[in-house]
Amino acid sequence: MEDLRPLVPTGMSLAQMALRWILMHPAITCTIPGAKHVAQVEENAAASDLAPLSAATMQEIQAIYTGQIRPLVQHYW
């Protein structure tokens, strides 16, 4: 997670950036994020109205996912 923090655009939370990253994939039409509080629901819902991530940011996030996250989760699908 700490490797992602420097990539978060101004005015966007880390959670919103993650949701934007997911929503920007062509095969994805919606997300179903969890939330414990109303504020989290509102923050998550606002992610779809935020500006798209830049191509460079998308590539950097993909590199972090491929190198650090995918090896831990790929066996689940």
N, C-alpha and C. Protein backbone atom coordinates (compact mmCIF):
# COMPACT_ATOMS: atom_id res chain seq x y z
N MET A 1 0.82 -1.19 0.00
CA MET A 1 0.00 0.00 0.00
C MET A 1 0.86 1.26 0.00
N GLU A 2 1.96 1.22 0.70
CA GLU A 2 2.80 2.42 0.77
C GLU A 2 3.37 2.79 -0.59
N ASP A 3 3.59 1.81 -1.45
CA ASP A 3 4.09 2.10 -2.80
C ASP A 3 3.05 2.82 -3.64
N LEU A 4 1.78 2.66 -3.30
CA LEU A 4 0.71 3.31 -4.05
C LEU A 4 0.46 4.75 -3.63
N ARG A 5 0.73 5.07 -2.38
CA ARG A 5 0.40 6.41 -1.85
C ARG A 5 0.98 7.56 -2.68
N PRO A 6 2.22 7.48 -3.14
CA PRO A 6 2.75 8.60 -3.95
C PRO A 6 2.04 8.78 -5.29
N LEU A 7 1.29 7.79 -5.72
CA LEU A 7 0.61 7.86 -7.01
C LEU A 7 -0.78 8.48 -6.93
N VAL A 8 -1.30 8.68 -5.71
CA VAL A 8 -2.66 9.19 -5.54
C VAL A 8 -2.74 10.64 -6.03
N PRO A 9 -3.61 10.90 -7.02
CA PRO A 9 -3.76 12.27 -7.51
C PRO A 9 -4.34 13.20 -6.45
N THR A 10 -4.05 14.47 -6.57
CA THR A 10 -4.59 15.48 -5.66
C THR A 10 -6.11 15.44 -5.70
N GLY A 11 -6.72 15.49 -4.53
CA GLY A 11 -8.17 15.50 -4.43
C GLY A 11 -8.82 14.12 -4.47
N MET A 12 -8.00 13.08 -4.41
CA MET A 12 -8.50 11.71 -4.48
C MET A 12 -7.90 10.92 -3.32
N SER A 13 -8.68 10.04 -2.73
CA SER A 13 -8.15 9.18 -1.66
C SER A 13 -7.54 7.93 -2.28
N LEU A 14 -6.80 7.19 -1.49
CA LEU A 14 -6.22 5.93 -1.96
C LEU A 14 -7.33 4.96 -2.37
N ALA A 15 -8.40 4.90 -1.58
CA ALA A 15 -9.52 4.02 -1.92
C ALA A 15 -10.17 4.43 -3.23
N GLN A 16 -10.34 5.73 -3.44
CA GLN A 16 -10.93 6.21 -4.69
C GLN A 16 -10.02 5.90 -5.88
N MET A 17 -8.72 6.04 -5.70
CA MET A 17 -7.80 5.71 -6.78
C MET A 17 -7.91 4.24 -7.14
N ALA A 18 -8.01 3.39 -6.14
CA ALA A 18 -8.15 1.95 -6.39
C ALA A 18 -9.43 1.66 -7.16
N LEU A 19 -10.51 2.31 -6.78
CA LEU A 19 -11.78 2.11 -7.49
C LEU A 19 -11.71 2.64 -8.92
N ARG A 20 -11.07 3.80 -9.12
CA ARG A 20 -10.91 4.34 -10.48
C ARG A 20 -10.09 3.38 -11.33
N TRP A 21 -9.02 2.83 -10.76
CA TRP A 21 -8.17 1.88 -11.49
C TRP A 21 -8.99 0.68 -11.95
N ILE A 22 -9.81 0.16 -11.06
CA ILE A 22 -10.65 -0.98 -11.41
C ILE A 22 -11.66 -0.59 -12.48
N LEU A 23 -12.33 0.55 -12.29
CA LEU A 23 -13.37 0.98 -13.23
C LEU A 23 -12.83 1.31 -14.61
N MET A 24 -11.56 1.61 -14.72
CA MET A 24 -10.98 1.97 -16.01
C MET A 24 -10.61 0.76 -16.85
N HIS A 25 -10.73 -0.42 -16.31
CA HIS A 25 -10.48 -1.63 -17.11
C HIS A 25 -11.70 -1.89 -17.99
N PRO A 26 -11.48 -2.18 -19.27
CA PRO A 26 -12.59 -2.33 -20.21
C PRO A 26 -13.61 -3.41 -19.83
N ALA A 27 -13.19 -4.45 -19.16
CA ALA A 27 -14.10 -5.55 -18.82
C ALA A 27 -14.93 -5.26 -17.57
N ILE A 28 -14.68 -4.16 -16.90
CA ILE A 28 -15.35 -3.84 -15.63
C ILE A 28 -16.42 -2.78 -15.87
N THR A 29 -17.62 -3.03 -15.38
CA THR A 29 -18.69 -2.05 -15.49
C THR A 29 -19.12 -1.49 -14.14
N CYS A 30 -18.79 -2.18 -13.05
CA CYS A 30 -19.12 -1.68 -11.73
C CYS A 30 -18.21 -2.35 -10.70
N THR A 31 -18.17 -1.75 -9.52
CA THR A 31 -17.43 -2.34 -8.40
C THR A 31 -18.42 -2.53 -7.25
N ILE A 32 -18.06 -3.41 -6.34
CA ILE A 32 -18.88 -3.63 -5.15
C ILE A 32 -17.95 -3.52 -3.94
N PRO A 33 -17.57 -2.28 -3.58
CA PRO A 33 -16.66 -2.10 -2.45
C PRO A 33 -17.39 -2.22 -1.12
N GLY A 34 -16.67 -2.61 -0.11
CA GLY A 34 -17.23 -2.68 1.23
C GLY A 34 -17.12 -1.33 1.92
N ALA A 35 -17.94 -1.14 2.93
CA ALA A 35 -17.91 0.09 3.72
C ALA A 35 -18.55 -0.19 5.07
N LYS A 36 -18.00 0.45 6.10
CA LYS A 36 -18.55 0.30 7.44
C LYS A 36 -19.31 1.55 7.89
N HIS A 37 -19.06 2.66 7.22
CA HIS A 37 -19.65 3.92 7.64
C HIS A 37 -20.24 4.65 6.43
N VAL A 38 -21.19 5.52 6.67
CA VAL A 38 -21.82 6.29 5.60
C VAL A 38 -20.77 7.09 4.84
N ALA A 39 -19.81 7.66 5.54
CA ALA A 39 -18.78 8.46 4.87
C ALA A 39 -17.99 7.62 3.87
N GLN A 40 -17.75 6.36 4.20
CA GLN A 40 -17.03 5.48 3.27
C GLN A 40 -17.88 5.19 2.03
N VAL A 41 -19.16 5.00 2.22
CA VAL A 41 -20.07 4.78 1.09
C VAL A 41 -20.05 5.99 0.17
N GLU A 42 -20.13 7.18 0.75
CA GLU A 42 -20.12 8.41 -0.04
C GLU A 42 -18.80 8.58 -0.78
N GLU A 43 -17.69 8.30 -0.10
CA GLU A 43 -16.38 8.40 -0.74
C GLU A 43 -16.26 7.41 -1.89
N ASN A 44 -16.70 6.19 -1.67
CA ASN A 44 -16.64 5.17 -2.72
C ASN A 44 -17.50 5.56 -3.92
N ALA A 45 -18.70 6.04 -3.66
CA ALA A 45 -19.61 6.43 -4.74
C ALA A 45 -19.05 7.59 -5.55
N ALA A 46 -18.36 8.50 -4.89
CA ALA A 46 -17.79 9.66 -5.58
C ALA A 46 -16.66 9.27 -6.53
N ALA A 47 -16.07 8.12 -6.34
CA ALA A 47 -14.94 7.70 -7.18
C ALA A 47 -15.32 7.62 -8.65
N SER A 48 -16.55 7.25 -8.94
CA SER A 48 -16.95 7.11 -10.34
C SER A 48 -17.07 8.45 -11.05
N ASP A 49 -17.18 9.54 -10.29
CA ASP A 49 -17.29 10.87 -10.88
C ASP A 49 -15.95 11.58 -11.01
N LEU A 50 -14.89 11.00 -10.47
CA LEU A 50 -13.58 11.62 -10.52
C LEU A 50 -12.95 11.46 -11.90
N ALA A 51 -11.99 12.32 -12.19
CA ALA A 51 -11.29 12.27 -13.48
C ALA A 51 -10.57 10.94 -13.63
N PRO A 52 -10.47 10.45 -14.85
CA PRO A 52 -9.73 9.21 -15.09
C PRO A 52 -8.26 9.36 -14.66
N LEU A 53 -7.65 8.25 -14.30
CA LEU A 53 -6.23 8.25 -13.98
C LEU A 53 -5.44 8.39 -15.27
N SER A 54 -4.27 9.00 -15.18
CA SER A 54 -3.43 9.14 -16.37
C SER A 54 -2.90 7.78 -16.80
N ALA A 55 -2.49 7.69 -18.05
CA ALA A 55 -1.93 6.43 -18.56
C ALA A 55 -0.69 6.04 -17.76
N ALA A 56 0.12 7.03 -17.39
CA ALA A 56 1.34 6.74 -16.61
C ALA A 56 0.99 6.17 -15.24
N THR A 57 -0.02 6.75 -14.59
CA THR A 57 -0.44 6.25 -13.28
C THR A 57 -1.01 4.84 -13.41
N MET A 58 -1.80 4.62 -14.44
CA MET A 58 -2.35 3.27 -14.67
C MET A 58 -1.23 2.25 -14.82
N GLN A 59 -0.19 2.61 -15.56
CA GLN A 59 0.94 1.69 -15.77
C GLN A 59 1.70 1.44 -14.47
N GLU A 60 1.89 2.49 -13.67
CA GLU A 60 2.60 2.32 -12.40
C GLU A 60 1.81 1.43 -11.44
N ILE A 61 0.51 1.63 -11.38
CA ILE A 61 -0.33 0.79 -10.52
C ILE A 61 -0.30 -0.66 -11.01
N GLN A 62 -0.38 -0.85 -12.32
CA GLN A 62 -0.34 -2.20 -12.88
C GLN A 62 0.97 -2.89 -12.53
N ALA A 63 2.08 -2.15 -12.58
CA ALA A 63 3.38 -2.74 -12.23
C ALA A 63 3.42 -3.17 -10.77
N ILE A 64 2.86 -2.35 -9.88
CA ILE A 64 2.81 -2.71 -8.46
C ILE A 64 1.91 -3.93 -8.28
N TYR A 65 0.76 -3.94 -8.94
CA TYR A 65 -0.14 -5.09 -8.85
C TYR A 65 0.55 -6.36 -9.33
N THR A 66 1.16 -6.29 -10.50
CA THR A 66 1.80 -7.47 -11.10
C THR A 66 2.94 -7.99 -10.23
N GLY A 67 3.72 -7.10 -9.66
CA GLY A 67 4.88 -7.51 -8.89
C GLY A 67 4.61 -7.90 -7.45
N GLN A 68 3.62 -7.25 -6.83
CA GLN A 68 3.44 -7.43 -5.39
C GLN A 68 2.12 -8.10 -4.99
N ILE A 69 1.07 -7.88 -5.75
CA ILE A 69 -0.25 -8.36 -5.35
C ILE A 69 -0.64 -9.64 -6.09
N ARG A 70 -0.48 -9.62 -7.38
CA ARG A 70 -0.91 -10.78 -8.18
C ARG A 70 -0.34 -12.10 -7.70
N PRO A 71 0.96 -12.18 -7.36
CA PRO A 71 1.49 -13.47 -6.89
C PRO A 71 0.77 -14.01 -5.65
N LEU A 72 0.19 -13.12 -4.86
CA LEU A 72 -0.49 -13.53 -3.63
C LEU A 72 -1.94 -13.94 -3.86
N VAL A 73 -2.54 -13.49 -4.97
CA VAL A 73 -3.97 -13.74 -5.17
C VAL A 73 -4.32 -14.54 -6.42
N GLN A 74 -3.38 -14.71 -7.34
CA GLN A 74 -3.72 -15.32 -8.63
C GLN A 74 -4.25 -16.74 -8.50
N HIS A 75 -3.86 -17.45 -7.47
CA HIS A 75 -4.34 -18.83 -7.30
C HIS A 75 -5.81 -18.90 -6.88
N TYR A 76 -6.40 -17.75 -6.52
CA TYR A 76 -7.82 -17.74 -6.13
C TYR A 76 -8.76 -17.76 -7.33
N TRP A 77 -8.29 -17.40 -8.53
CA TRP A 77 -9.18 -17.41 -9.68
C TRP A 77 -8.80 -18.50 -10.56
